[in-house]
Amino acid sequence: MDAVLSEPQTLAQLPFKTLEEVIRQLRGTRNDIIRYGVWNIRNLTDEEFNRTDDRKLFGYFRQDLLETRFLSKGRRIDLIQLWMWFDDQMSGTEPLLIDGAELFLNIHDKDLEKVRKRIAEIQAFFPTLRSDDLEAFKRIKYKLRRTVMRLTYDLHHLFKRLEKYRKNLFGMNAPRERVALEAVAEIPEPPPMDDHDEAEG
């Protein structure tokens, strides 16, 4: 199956119908990551995180990142697999289906790259999470928490940006009647991140 990859595009260049499907897919992925993939850690305050026993925190991170959720057939997946189901469609590894037709995308976009970077950073911690080395976990737990929190922030930012593109395209060339988008799931926006100590490349 030789798929011909399209020319690189940004998300802003996608036509309306393609953009709507990308938003639908991203919404599902984002909601699943925030509901199941980062749930325990995201819902601990900094103070609670500092007070929680390290063995318990180790379990929270493993549960969130390595055993993200049950899917059909009762299979558990990790956070990386969950993200890749969406991202494989953005990079042309898998086709995006629109009205039964296969479309291979080749998305190069700064906000998508930021999420990809966070995912890669989290994946780098997986060997420690899969080990039973509590001392190694203690050394990474704060950096891992910050990376997880930044991932949720970057996902929200990407999603909001796509919705803005959709509104602009809708205003330009869509029919008069409003095409209802499912309501964004009731997921509170993450708090602003203090990024002064992070040099963004």
N, C-alpha and C. Protein backbone atom coordinates (compact mmCIF):
# COMPACT_ATOMS: atom_id res chain seq x y z
N MET A 1 0.86 -1.19 0.00
CA MET A 1 0.00 0.00 0.00
C MET A 1 0.89 1.23 0.00
N ASP A 2 1.15 1.81 -1.16
CA ASP A 2 2.03 2.96 -1.27
C ASP A 2 1.21 4.24 -1.26
N ALA A 3 1.21 4.90 -0.10
CA ALA A 3 0.48 6.17 0.00
C ALA A 3 1.43 7.28 -0.42
N VAL A 4 0.93 8.17 -1.28
CA VAL A 4 1.73 9.31 -1.69
C VAL A 4 1.47 10.44 -0.70
N LEU A 5 2.56 10.85 -0.04
CA LEU A 5 2.43 11.89 0.98
C LEU A 5 2.25 13.24 0.28
N SER A 6 1.31 14.01 0.80
CA SER A 6 1.07 15.33 0.21
C SER A 6 2.19 16.29 0.60
N GLU A 7 2.18 17.44 -0.04
CA GLU A 7 3.13 18.50 0.34
C GLU A 7 2.86 18.88 1.80
N PRO A 8 3.91 19.28 2.54
CA PRO A 8 3.69 19.70 3.93
C PRO A 8 2.68 20.85 4.01
N GLN A 9 1.79 20.77 5.00
CA GLN A 9 0.79 21.82 5.22
C GLN A 9 0.81 22.21 6.68
N THR A 10 0.37 23.43 6.97
CA THR A 10 0.07 23.79 8.35
C THR A 10 -1.41 23.51 8.59
N LEU A 11 -1.81 23.50 9.83
CA LEU A 11 -3.22 23.27 10.15
C LEU A 11 -4.09 24.40 9.59
N ALA A 12 -3.54 25.61 9.52
CA ALA A 12 -4.30 26.75 9.01
C ALA A 12 -4.62 26.61 7.52
N GLN A 13 -3.89 25.75 6.81
CA GLN A 13 -4.10 25.61 5.36
C GLN A 13 -5.14 24.54 5.01
N LEU A 14 -5.64 23.83 6.01
CA LEU A 14 -6.57 22.73 5.71
C LEU A 14 -7.92 23.26 5.24
N PRO A 15 -8.53 22.61 4.25
CA PRO A 15 -9.88 23.01 3.85
C PRO A 15 -10.89 22.69 4.96
N PHE A 16 -12.04 23.34 4.87
CA PHE A 16 -13.03 23.30 5.96
C PHE A 16 -13.39 21.87 6.39
N LYS A 17 -13.73 21.02 5.43
CA LYS A 17 -14.19 19.67 5.76
C LYS A 17 -13.09 18.85 6.43
N THR A 18 -11.87 18.99 5.92
CA THR A 18 -10.72 18.28 6.52
C THR A 18 -10.47 18.81 7.93
N LEU A 19 -10.53 20.12 8.07
CA LEU A 19 -10.31 20.73 9.39
C LEU A 19 -11.34 20.23 10.40
N GLU A 20 -12.60 20.13 9.97
CA GLU A 20 -13.63 19.64 10.89
C GLU A 20 -13.33 18.22 11.38
N GLU A 21 -12.84 17.36 10.48
CA GLU A 21 -12.53 15.99 10.89
C GLU A 21 -11.31 15.97 11.80
N VAL A 22 -10.31 16.80 11.52
CA VAL A 22 -9.13 16.89 12.39
C VAL A 22 -9.54 17.36 13.78
N ILE A 23 -10.42 18.35 13.85
CA ILE A 23 -10.91 18.85 15.15
C ILE A 23 -11.64 17.73 15.90
N ARG A 24 -12.49 16.99 15.17
CA ARG A 24 -13.24 15.90 15.81
C ARG A 24 -12.29 14.85 16.40
N GLN A 25 -11.28 14.49 15.62
CA GLN A 25 -10.32 13.50 16.09
C GLN A 25 -9.49 14.03 17.27
N LEU A 26 -9.07 15.29 17.16
CA LEU A 26 -8.25 15.88 18.22
C LEU A 26 -9.06 16.02 19.51
N ARG A 27 -10.36 16.37 19.36
CA ARG A 27 -11.21 16.51 20.55
C ARG A 27 -11.25 15.19 21.32
N GLY A 28 -11.49 14.09 20.59
CA GLY A 28 -11.55 12.78 21.24
C GLY A 28 -10.24 12.42 21.91
N THR A 29 -9.14 12.67 21.21
CA THR A 29 -7.82 12.33 21.76
C THR A 29 -7.51 13.19 22.98
N ARG A 30 -7.74 14.49 22.85
CA ARG A 30 -7.48 15.40 23.98
C ARG A 30 -8.32 15.02 25.20
N ASN A 31 -9.61 14.76 24.97
CA ASN A 31 -10.48 14.42 26.09
C ASN A 31 -10.04 13.12 26.77
N ASP A 32 -9.65 12.13 25.95
CA ASP A 32 -9.19 10.86 26.53
C ASP A 32 -7.89 11.04 27.31
N ILE A 33 -6.97 11.84 26.77
CA ILE A 33 -5.71 12.06 27.49
C ILE A 33 -5.98 12.74 28.83
N ILE A 34 -6.83 13.76 28.82
CA ILE A 34 -7.04 14.51 30.06
C ILE A 34 -7.93 13.75 31.04
N ARG A 35 -8.89 12.98 30.53
CA ARG A 35 -9.76 12.21 31.43
C ARG A 35 -9.10 10.96 31.98
N TYR A 36 -8.28 10.31 31.14
CA TYR A 36 -7.75 9.00 31.54
C TYR A 36 -6.23 8.96 31.61
N GLY A 37 -5.55 9.78 30.81
CA GLY A 37 -4.11 9.66 30.68
C GLY A 37 -3.31 10.48 31.65
N VAL A 38 -3.88 11.54 32.20
CA VAL A 38 -3.12 12.37 33.15
C VAL A 38 -3.97 12.68 34.38
N TRP A 39 -4.98 11.87 34.61
CA TRP A 39 -6.03 12.19 35.58
C TRP A 39 -5.52 12.38 37.01
N ASN A 40 -4.82 11.37 37.54
CA ASN A 40 -4.40 11.45 38.94
C ASN A 40 -3.46 12.62 39.18
N ILE A 41 -2.47 12.75 38.32
CA ILE A 41 -1.43 13.76 38.53
C ILE A 41 -1.97 15.16 38.31
N ARG A 42 -2.84 15.31 37.30
CA ARG A 42 -3.38 16.64 37.01
C ARG A 42 -4.29 17.14 38.13
N ASN A 43 -4.92 16.22 38.85
CA ASN A 43 -5.87 16.63 39.88
C ASN A 43 -5.27 16.74 41.27
N LEU A 44 -3.96 16.56 41.37
CA LEU A 44 -3.28 16.83 42.64
C LEU A 44 -2.75 18.25 42.60
N THR A 45 -3.00 19.01 43.67
CA THR A 45 -2.37 20.33 43.74
C THR A 45 -0.88 20.14 44.01
N ASP A 46 -0.12 21.21 43.84
CA ASP A 46 1.32 21.13 44.14
C ASP A 46 1.55 20.69 45.58
N GLU A 47 0.74 21.25 46.48
CA GLU A 47 0.89 20.91 47.91
C GLU A 47 0.59 19.43 48.16
N GLU A 48 -0.49 18.93 47.55
CA GLU A 48 -0.83 17.51 47.70
C GLU A 48 0.26 16.62 47.09
N PHE A 49 0.78 17.06 45.96
CA PHE A 49 1.84 16.29 45.30
C PHE A 49 3.05 16.17 46.24
N ASN A 50 3.42 17.28 46.86
CA ASN A 50 4.58 17.28 47.76
C ASN A 50 4.36 16.39 48.98
N ARG A 51 3.11 16.28 49.42
CA ARG A 51 2.81 15.50 50.65
C ARG A 51 2.55 14.03 50.38
N THR A 52 2.27 13.67 49.13
CA THR A 52 1.88 12.29 48.83
C THR A 52 3.09 11.36 48.85
N ASP A 53 2.89 10.19 49.42
CA ASP A 53 3.94 9.18 49.50
C ASP A 53 4.47 8.84 48.10
N ASP A 54 5.79 8.71 47.98
CA ASP A 54 6.40 8.49 46.67
C ASP A 54 5.94 7.19 46.01
N ARG A 55 5.74 6.15 46.79
CA ARG A 55 5.28 4.88 46.23
C ARG A 55 3.89 5.06 45.62
N LYS A 56 3.05 5.86 46.29
CA LYS A 56 1.70 6.13 45.77
C LYS A 56 1.77 6.96 44.48
N LEU A 57 2.65 7.98 44.48
CA LEU A 57 2.83 8.80 43.27
C LEU A 57 3.31 7.94 42.10
N PHE A 58 4.23 7.06 42.39
CA PHE A 58 4.76 6.14 41.37
C PHE A 58 3.60 5.37 40.74
N GLY A 59 2.71 4.89 41.58
CA GLY A 59 1.53 4.16 41.09
C GLY A 59 0.62 5.05 40.26
N TYR A 60 0.43 6.31 40.69
CA TYR A 60 -0.42 7.24 39.92
C TYR A 60 0.14 7.45 38.51
N PHE A 61 1.45 7.72 38.44
CA PHE A 61 2.05 7.96 37.13
C PHE A 61 1.96 6.72 36.23
N ARG A 62 2.19 5.56 36.82
CA ARG A 62 2.10 4.33 36.02
C ARG A 62 0.68 4.13 35.51
N GLN A 63 -0.29 4.34 36.40
CA GLN A 63 -1.69 4.15 36.02
C GLN A 63 -2.09 5.13 34.91
N ASP A 64 -1.67 6.39 35.05
CA ASP A 64 -2.05 7.41 34.06
C ASP A 64 -1.35 7.20 32.72
N LEU A 65 -0.05 7.01 32.76
CA LEU A 65 0.73 7.08 31.53
C LEU A 65 0.93 5.72 30.86
N LEU A 66 1.01 4.66 31.66
CA LEU A 66 1.28 3.33 31.08
C LEU A 66 0.02 2.51 30.88
N GLU A 67 -1.05 2.82 31.63
CA GLU A 67 -2.29 2.04 31.53
C GLU A 67 -3.44 3.02 31.35
N THR A 68 -3.40 3.74 30.24
CA THR A 68 -4.27 4.90 30.08
C THR A 68 -5.75 4.59 30.25
N ARG A 69 -6.26 3.58 29.60
CA ARG A 69 -7.70 3.30 29.74
C ARG A 69 -8.03 1.97 29.09
N PHE A 70 -9.21 1.47 29.42
CA PHE A 70 -9.73 0.31 28.68
C PHE A 70 -10.34 0.79 27.38
N LEU A 71 -10.03 0.07 26.33
CA LEU A 71 -10.66 0.34 25.05
C LEU A 71 -11.51 -0.86 24.69
N SER A 72 -12.00 -0.93 23.47
CA SER A 72 -12.78 -2.09 23.06
C SER A 72 -11.95 -3.35 23.27
N LYS A 73 -12.58 -4.42 23.58
CA LYS A 73 -11.94 -5.70 23.88
C LYS A 73 -11.11 -5.66 25.17
N GLY A 74 -11.33 -4.65 26.00
CA GLY A 74 -10.69 -4.63 27.31
C GLY A 74 -9.19 -4.47 27.29
N ARG A 75 -8.65 -3.88 26.21
CA ARG A 75 -7.20 -3.73 26.10
C ARG A 75 -6.77 -2.43 26.77
N ARG A 76 -5.66 -2.48 27.50
CA ARG A 76 -5.12 -1.24 28.05
C ARG A 76 -4.01 -0.73 27.14
N ILE A 77 -3.94 0.58 27.00
CA ILE A 77 -2.91 1.19 26.16
C ILE A 77 -2.17 2.23 26.98
N ASP A 78 -1.01 2.66 26.48
CA ASP A 78 -0.31 3.74 27.17
C ASP A 78 -0.59 5.07 26.48
N LEU A 79 -0.15 6.14 27.10
CA LEU A 79 -0.42 7.49 26.60
C LEU A 79 0.13 7.69 25.20
N ILE A 80 1.31 7.12 24.91
CA ILE A 80 1.93 7.32 23.60
C ILE A 80 1.06 6.68 22.51
N GLN A 81 0.58 5.45 22.76
CA GLN A 81 -0.29 4.79 21.78
C GLN A 81 -1.55 5.62 21.53
N LEU A 82 -2.12 6.14 22.59
CA LEU A 82 -3.33 6.95 22.47
C LEU A 82 -3.08 8.17 21.59
N TRP A 83 -1.99 8.88 21.82
CA TRP A 83 -1.66 10.05 21.01
C TRP A 83 -1.38 9.64 19.56
N MET A 84 -0.66 8.52 19.36
CA MET A 84 -0.25 8.14 18.01
C MET A 84 -1.44 7.80 17.12
N TRP A 85 -2.55 7.35 17.70
CA TRP A 85 -3.73 7.10 16.86
C TRP A 85 -4.18 8.38 16.17
N PHE A 86 -4.02 9.51 16.82
CA PHE A 86 -4.32 10.79 16.18
C PHE A 86 -3.16 11.24 15.30
N ASP A 87 -1.95 11.23 15.87
CA ASP A 87 -0.81 11.83 15.18
C ASP A 87 -0.40 11.06 13.93
N ASP A 88 -0.63 9.74 13.91
CA ASP A 88 -0.33 8.97 12.70
C ASP A 88 -1.13 9.48 11.50
N GLN A 89 -2.31 10.03 11.77
CA GLN A 89 -3.12 10.59 10.68
C GLN A 89 -2.61 11.96 10.25
N MET A 90 -1.94 12.66 11.18
CA MET A 90 -1.39 13.98 10.84
C MET A 90 -0.08 13.86 10.05
N SER A 91 0.59 12.71 10.20
CA SER A 91 1.91 12.55 9.55
C SER A 91 1.85 11.64 8.34
N GLY A 92 0.64 11.21 7.94
CA GLY A 92 0.49 10.39 6.74
C GLY A 92 0.83 8.93 6.94
N THR A 93 1.05 8.51 8.20
CA THR A 93 1.28 7.08 8.46
C THR A 93 -0.01 6.31 8.27
N GLU A 94 -1.12 6.91 8.69
CA GLU A 94 -2.46 6.34 8.51
C GLU A 94 -3.32 7.37 7.79
N PRO A 95 -4.31 6.93 7.00
CA PRO A 95 -5.15 7.90 6.29
C PRO A 95 -6.22 8.50 7.21
N LEU A 96 -6.58 9.72 6.93
CA LEU A 96 -7.74 10.35 7.54
C LEU A 96 -8.93 10.01 6.63
N LEU A 97 -10.00 9.50 7.21
CA LEU A 97 -11.17 9.12 6.41
C LEU A 97 -12.19 10.25 6.40
N ILE A 98 -12.54 10.71 5.22
CA ILE A 98 -13.57 11.75 5.10
C ILE A 98 -14.56 11.30 4.05
N ASP A 99 -15.82 11.08 4.49
CA ASP A 99 -16.88 10.58 3.60
C ASP A 99 -16.44 9.29 2.89
N GLY A 100 -15.76 8.42 3.62
CA GLY A 100 -15.34 7.14 3.08
C GLY A 100 -14.10 7.18 2.20
N ALA A 101 -13.58 8.38 1.94
CA ALA A 101 -12.37 8.50 1.11
C ALA A 101 -11.15 8.67 2.01
N GLU A 102 -10.02 8.06 1.60
CA GLU A 102 -8.79 8.16 2.37
C GLU A 102 -8.00 9.39 1.94
N LEU A 103 -7.57 10.15 2.94
CA LEU A 103 -6.77 11.34 2.68
C LEU A 103 -5.50 11.25 3.52
N PHE A 104 -4.35 11.36 2.87
CA PHE A 104 -3.09 11.30 3.59
C PHE A 104 -2.58 12.72 3.80
N LEU A 105 -2.45 13.11 5.06
CA LEU A 105 -1.99 14.45 5.40
C LEU A 105 -0.49 14.44 5.70
N ASN A 106 0.08 15.63 5.67
CA ASN A 106 1.49 15.79 6.02
C ASN A 106 1.60 17.13 6.75
N ILE A 107 1.21 17.11 8.03
CA ILE A 107 1.07 18.36 8.78
C ILE A 107 2.37 18.73 9.49
N HIS A 108 2.84 19.93 9.18
CA HIS A 108 3.99 20.51 9.89
C HIS A 108 3.48 21.82 10.48
N ASP A 109 3.34 21.85 11.78
CA ASP A 109 2.68 22.98 12.43
C ASP A 109 3.30 23.20 13.80
N LYS A 110 3.58 24.46 14.14
CA LYS A 110 4.35 24.74 15.37
C LYS A 110 3.64 24.25 16.63
N ASP A 111 2.33 24.40 16.72
CA ASP A 111 1.63 23.98 17.94
C ASP A 111 1.50 22.46 18.02
N LEU A 112 1.37 21.81 16.87
CA LEU A 112 1.36 20.35 16.84
C LEU A 112 2.75 19.83 17.22
N GLU A 113 3.79 20.49 16.73
CA GLU A 113 5.16 20.09 17.07
C GLU A 113 5.41 20.21 18.57
N LYS A 114 4.82 21.22 19.18
CA LYS A 114 4.99 21.41 20.63
C LYS A 114 4.40 20.22 21.40
N VAL A 115 3.20 19.78 20.98
CA VAL A 115 2.59 18.61 21.63
C VAL A 115 3.44 17.36 21.38
N ARG A 116 3.92 17.20 20.13
CA ARG A 116 4.78 16.05 19.82
C ARG A 116 6.02 16.05 20.71
N LYS A 117 6.56 17.23 20.95
CA LYS A 117 7.76 17.35 21.81
C LYS A 117 7.44 16.91 23.23
N ARG A 118 6.30 17.34 23.75
CA ARG A 118 5.90 16.94 25.12
C ARG A 118 5.73 15.43 25.21
N ILE A 119 5.07 14.87 24.20
CA ILE A 119 4.84 13.42 24.19
C ILE A 119 6.18 12.68 24.19
N ALA A 120 7.14 13.16 23.38
CA ALA A 120 8.47 12.52 23.34
C ALA A 120 9.17 12.65 24.69
N GLU A 121 9.01 13.80 25.35
CA GLU A 121 9.63 13.99 26.67
C GLU A 121 9.04 13.00 27.67
N ILE A 122 7.72 12.83 27.63
CA ILE A 122 7.07 11.88 28.55
C ILE A 122 7.53 10.46 28.24
N GLN A 123 7.63 10.12 26.97
CA GLN A 123 8.05 8.77 26.59
C GLN A 123 9.46 8.46 27.12
N ALA A 124 10.31 9.48 27.20
CA ALA A 124 11.67 9.27 27.70
C ALA A 124 11.69 8.84 29.17
N PHE A 125 10.59 9.13 29.89
CA PHE A 125 10.50 8.72 31.30
C PHE A 125 9.97 7.29 31.47
N PHE A 126 9.47 6.69 30.37
CA PHE A 126 8.82 5.38 30.48
C PHE A 126 9.72 4.28 31.06
N PRO A 127 11.02 4.21 30.68
CA PRO A 127 11.84 3.14 31.29
C PRO A 127 11.86 3.21 32.81
N THR A 128 11.90 4.42 33.37
CA THR A 128 11.87 4.56 34.84
C THR A 128 10.53 4.12 35.38
N LEU A 129 9.43 4.50 34.70
CA LEU A 129 8.10 4.13 35.18
C LEU A 129 7.88 2.61 35.09
N ARG A 130 8.50 1.99 34.09
CA ARG A 130 8.32 0.54 33.94
C ARG A 130 9.20 -0.25 34.90
N SER A 131 10.22 0.39 35.44
CA SER A 131 11.10 -0.30 36.40
C SER A 131 10.43 -0.29 37.77
N ASP A 132 11.08 -0.90 38.73
CA ASP A 132 10.56 -0.82 40.09
C ASP A 132 11.54 -0.03 40.95
N ASP A 133 12.23 0.92 40.32
CA ASP A 133 13.28 1.68 40.99
C ASP A 133 12.71 2.97 41.57
N LEU A 134 12.31 2.90 42.83
CA LEU A 134 11.69 4.05 43.48
C LEU A 134 12.64 5.23 43.58
N GLU A 135 13.92 4.95 43.82
CA GLU A 135 14.90 6.04 43.95
C GLU A 135 15.04 6.79 42.62
N ALA A 136 15.06 6.04 41.52
CA ALA A 136 15.13 6.70 40.20
C ALA A 136 13.88 7.53 39.96
N PHE A 137 12.71 7.03 40.37
CA PHE A 137 11.47 7.78 40.21
C PHE A 137 11.50 9.08 41.01
N LYS A 138 12.03 9.03 42.24
CA LYS A 138 12.09 10.25 43.06
C LYS A 138 12.90 11.34 42.37
N ARG A 139 13.91 10.94 41.60
CA ARG A 139 14.75 11.94 40.94
C ARG A 139 14.04 12.61 39.77
N ILE A 140 13.04 11.95 39.19
CA ILE A 140 12.39 12.53 38.00
C ILE A 140 10.98 13.05 38.27
N LYS A 141 10.43 12.81 39.46
CA LYS A 141 8.98 13.02 39.64
C LYS A 141 8.54 14.47 39.40
N TYR A 142 9.35 15.45 39.80
CA TYR A 142 8.93 16.85 39.61
C TYR A 142 9.01 17.25 38.13
N LYS A 143 10.07 16.83 37.46
CA LYS A 143 10.20 17.15 36.03
C LYS A 143 9.09 16.46 35.23
N LEU A 144 8.78 15.23 35.59
CA LEU A 144 7.73 14.51 34.89
C LEU A 144 6.38 15.18 35.11
N ARG A 145 6.11 15.61 36.34
CA ARG A 145 4.84 16.30 36.61
C ARG A 145 4.73 17.57 35.78
N ARG A 146 5.79 18.36 35.72
CA ARG A 146 5.74 19.60 34.94
C ARG A 146 5.51 19.30 33.46
N THR A 147 6.13 18.24 32.96
CA THR A 147 5.96 17.89 31.55
C THR A 147 4.52 17.47 31.27
N VAL A 148 3.94 16.68 32.18
CA VAL A 148 2.54 16.25 32.04
C VAL A 148 1.61 17.47 32.05
N MET A 149 1.86 18.41 32.97
CA MET A 149 1.00 19.59 33.05
C MET A 149 1.15 20.45 31.78
N ARG A 150 2.36 20.57 31.28
CA ARG A 150 2.56 21.33 30.04
C ARG A 150 1.87 20.66 28.86
N LEU A 151 1.86 19.32 28.85
CA LEU A 151 1.16 18.62 27.78
C LEU A 151 -0.32 19.01 27.76
N THR A 152 -0.96 19.04 28.92
CA THR A 152 -2.39 19.40 28.95
C THR A 152 -2.58 20.83 28.47
N TYR A 153 -1.67 21.70 28.84
CA TYR A 153 -1.76 23.10 28.40
C TYR A 153 -1.59 23.20 26.88
N ASP A 154 -0.60 22.51 26.34
CA ASP A 154 -0.34 22.56 24.89
C ASP A 154 -1.50 21.96 24.09
N LEU A 155 -2.12 20.89 24.62
CA LEU A 155 -3.28 20.29 23.95
C LEU A 155 -4.45 21.27 23.90
N HIS A 156 -4.70 21.96 25.02
CA HIS A 156 -5.78 22.96 25.04
C HIS A 156 -5.50 24.07 24.03
N HIS A 157 -4.25 24.53 23.99
CA HIS A 157 -3.89 25.63 23.09
C HIS A 157 -4.09 25.22 21.63
N LEU A 158 -3.65 24.01 21.28
CA LEU A 158 -3.81 23.51 19.92
C LEU A 158 -5.29 23.41 19.55
N PHE A 159 -6.09 22.86 20.46
CA PHE A 159 -7.51 22.69 20.17
C PHE A 159 -8.20 24.04 19.97
N LYS A 160 -7.90 25.01 20.83
CA LYS A 160 -8.53 26.33 20.72
C LYS A 160 -8.14 27.00 19.41
N ARG A 161 -6.90 26.81 19.00
CA ARG A 161 -6.44 27.40 17.75
C ARG A 161 -7.19 26.80 16.55
N LEU A 162 -7.40 25.49 16.57
CA LEU A 162 -8.14 24.85 15.48
C LEU A 162 -9.59 25.34 15.43
N GLU A 163 -10.18 25.51 16.59
CA GLU A 163 -11.57 26.02 16.62
C GLU A 163 -11.65 27.44 16.06
N LYS A 164 -10.60 28.22 16.30
CA LYS A 164 -10.56 29.58 15.75
C LYS A 164 -10.49 29.52 14.22
N TYR A 165 -9.63 28.64 13.68
CA TYR A 165 -9.56 28.48 12.23
C TYR A 165 -10.93 28.06 11.68
N ARG A 166 -11.58 27.15 12.39
CA ARG A 166 -12.87 26.65 11.93
C ARG A 166 -13.89 27.79 11.85
N LYS A 167 -13.91 28.64 12.89
CA LYS A 167 -14.86 29.77 12.89
C LYS A 167 -14.59 30.69 11.71
N ASN A 168 -13.31 30.96 11.45
CA ASN A 168 -12.97 31.84 10.33
C ASN A 168 -13.40 31.23 8.99
N LEU A 169 -13.12 29.94 8.79
CA LEU A 169 -13.51 29.28 7.55
C LEU A 169 -15.02 29.19 7.41
N PHE A 170 -15.68 28.94 8.54
CA PHE A 170 -17.14 28.82 8.53
C PHE A 170 -17.75 30.14 8.07
N GLY A 171 -17.22 31.24 8.60
CA GLY A 171 -17.73 32.56 8.24
C GLY A 171 -17.53 32.87 6.77
N MET A 172 -16.43 32.35 6.20
CA MET A 172 -16.11 32.68 4.80
C MET A 172 -16.93 31.88 3.80
N ASN A 173 -17.03 30.54 4.01
CA ASN A 173 -17.59 29.76 2.90
C ASN A 173 -18.55 28.65 3.30
N ALA A 174 -19.02 28.66 4.52
CA ALA A 174 -19.97 27.61 4.89
C ALA A 174 -21.40 28.12 4.70
N PRO A 175 -22.37 27.19 4.62
CA PRO A 175 -23.77 27.63 4.48
C PRO A 175 -24.23 28.44 5.68
N ARG A 176 -25.36 29.12 5.52
CA ARG A 176 -25.82 30.04 6.56
C ARG A 176 -26.15 29.33 7.86
N GLU A 177 -26.83 28.16 7.77
CA GLU A 177 -27.25 27.54 9.04
C GLU A 177 -26.03 27.04 9.81
N ARG A 178 -26.13 27.13 11.11
CA ARG A 178 -24.98 26.78 11.97
C ARG A 178 -24.78 25.27 11.99
N VAL A 179 -23.58 24.82 11.74
CA VAL A 179 -23.25 23.41 11.86
C VAL A 179 -22.83 23.18 13.31
N ALA A 180 -23.65 22.44 14.04
CA ALA A 180 -23.36 22.28 15.47
C ALA A 180 -22.14 21.41 15.67
N LEU A 181 -21.20 21.91 16.46
CA LEU A 181 -20.08 21.08 16.91
C LEU A 181 -20.47 20.55 18.27
N GLU A 182 -20.10 19.31 18.57
CA GLU A 182 -20.38 18.82 19.91
C GLU A 182 -19.74 19.79 20.90
N ALA A 183 -20.42 19.98 22.02
CA ALA A 183 -19.87 20.88 23.04
C ALA A 183 -18.52 20.33 23.50
N VAL A 184 -17.61 21.24 23.73
CA VAL A 184 -16.32 20.82 24.26
C VAL A 184 -16.59 20.21 25.63
N ALA A 185 -16.04 19.04 25.85
CA ALA A 185 -16.29 18.34 27.12
C ALA A 185 -15.93 19.24 28.28
N GLU A 186 -16.63 19.02 29.38
CA GLU A 186 -16.50 19.90 30.54
C GLU A 186 -15.17 19.63 31.25
N ILE A 187 -14.11 20.01 30.56
CA ILE A 187 -12.78 19.84 31.12
C ILE A 187 -12.24 21.23 31.40
N PRO A 188 -11.98 21.54 32.67
CA PRO A 188 -11.51 22.90 32.95
C PRO A 188 -10.16 23.15 32.31
N GLU A 189 -9.97 24.38 31.90
CA GLU A 189 -8.70 24.74 31.28
C GLU A 189 -7.59 24.65 32.32
N PRO A 190 -6.40 24.21 31.89
CA PRO A 190 -5.31 24.13 32.87
C PRO A 190 -4.88 25.52 33.32
N PRO A 191 -4.30 25.62 34.50
CA PRO A 191 -3.82 26.93 34.95
C PRO A 191 -2.66 27.38 34.08
N PRO A 192 -2.42 28.70 34.01
CA PRO A 192 -1.28 29.18 33.22
C PRO A 192 0.01 28.57 33.75
N MET A 193 0.91 28.24 32.84
CA MET A 193 2.17 27.63 33.25
C MET A 193 3.21 28.71 33.47
N ASP A 194 4.04 28.51 34.48
CA ASP A 194 5.18 29.38 34.71
C ASP A 194 6.33 28.83 33.89
N ASP A 195 6.61 29.46 32.76
CA ASP A 195 7.59 28.89 31.82
C ASP A 195 8.92 29.62 31.85
N HIS A 196 9.13 30.46 32.86
CA HIS A 196 10.34 31.29 32.82
C HIS A 196 11.62 30.45 32.87
N ASP A 197 11.50 29.23 33.42
CA ASP A 197 12.72 28.41 33.54
C ASP A 197 12.90 27.47 32.38
N GLU A 198 12.02 27.56 31.36
CA GLU A 198 12.13 26.65 30.23
C GLU A 198 12.51 27.43 28.99
N ALA A 199 13.60 27.06 28.40
CA ALA A 199 14.01 27.70 27.15
C ALA A 199 13.33 26.95 26.00
N GLU A 200 12.37 27.59 25.37
CA GLU A 200 11.70 26.95 24.23
C GLU A 200 12.59 27.14 23.01
N GLY A 201 12.89 25.99 22.33
CA GLY A 201 13.79 26.07 21.17
C GLY A 201 13.10 26.70 19.99
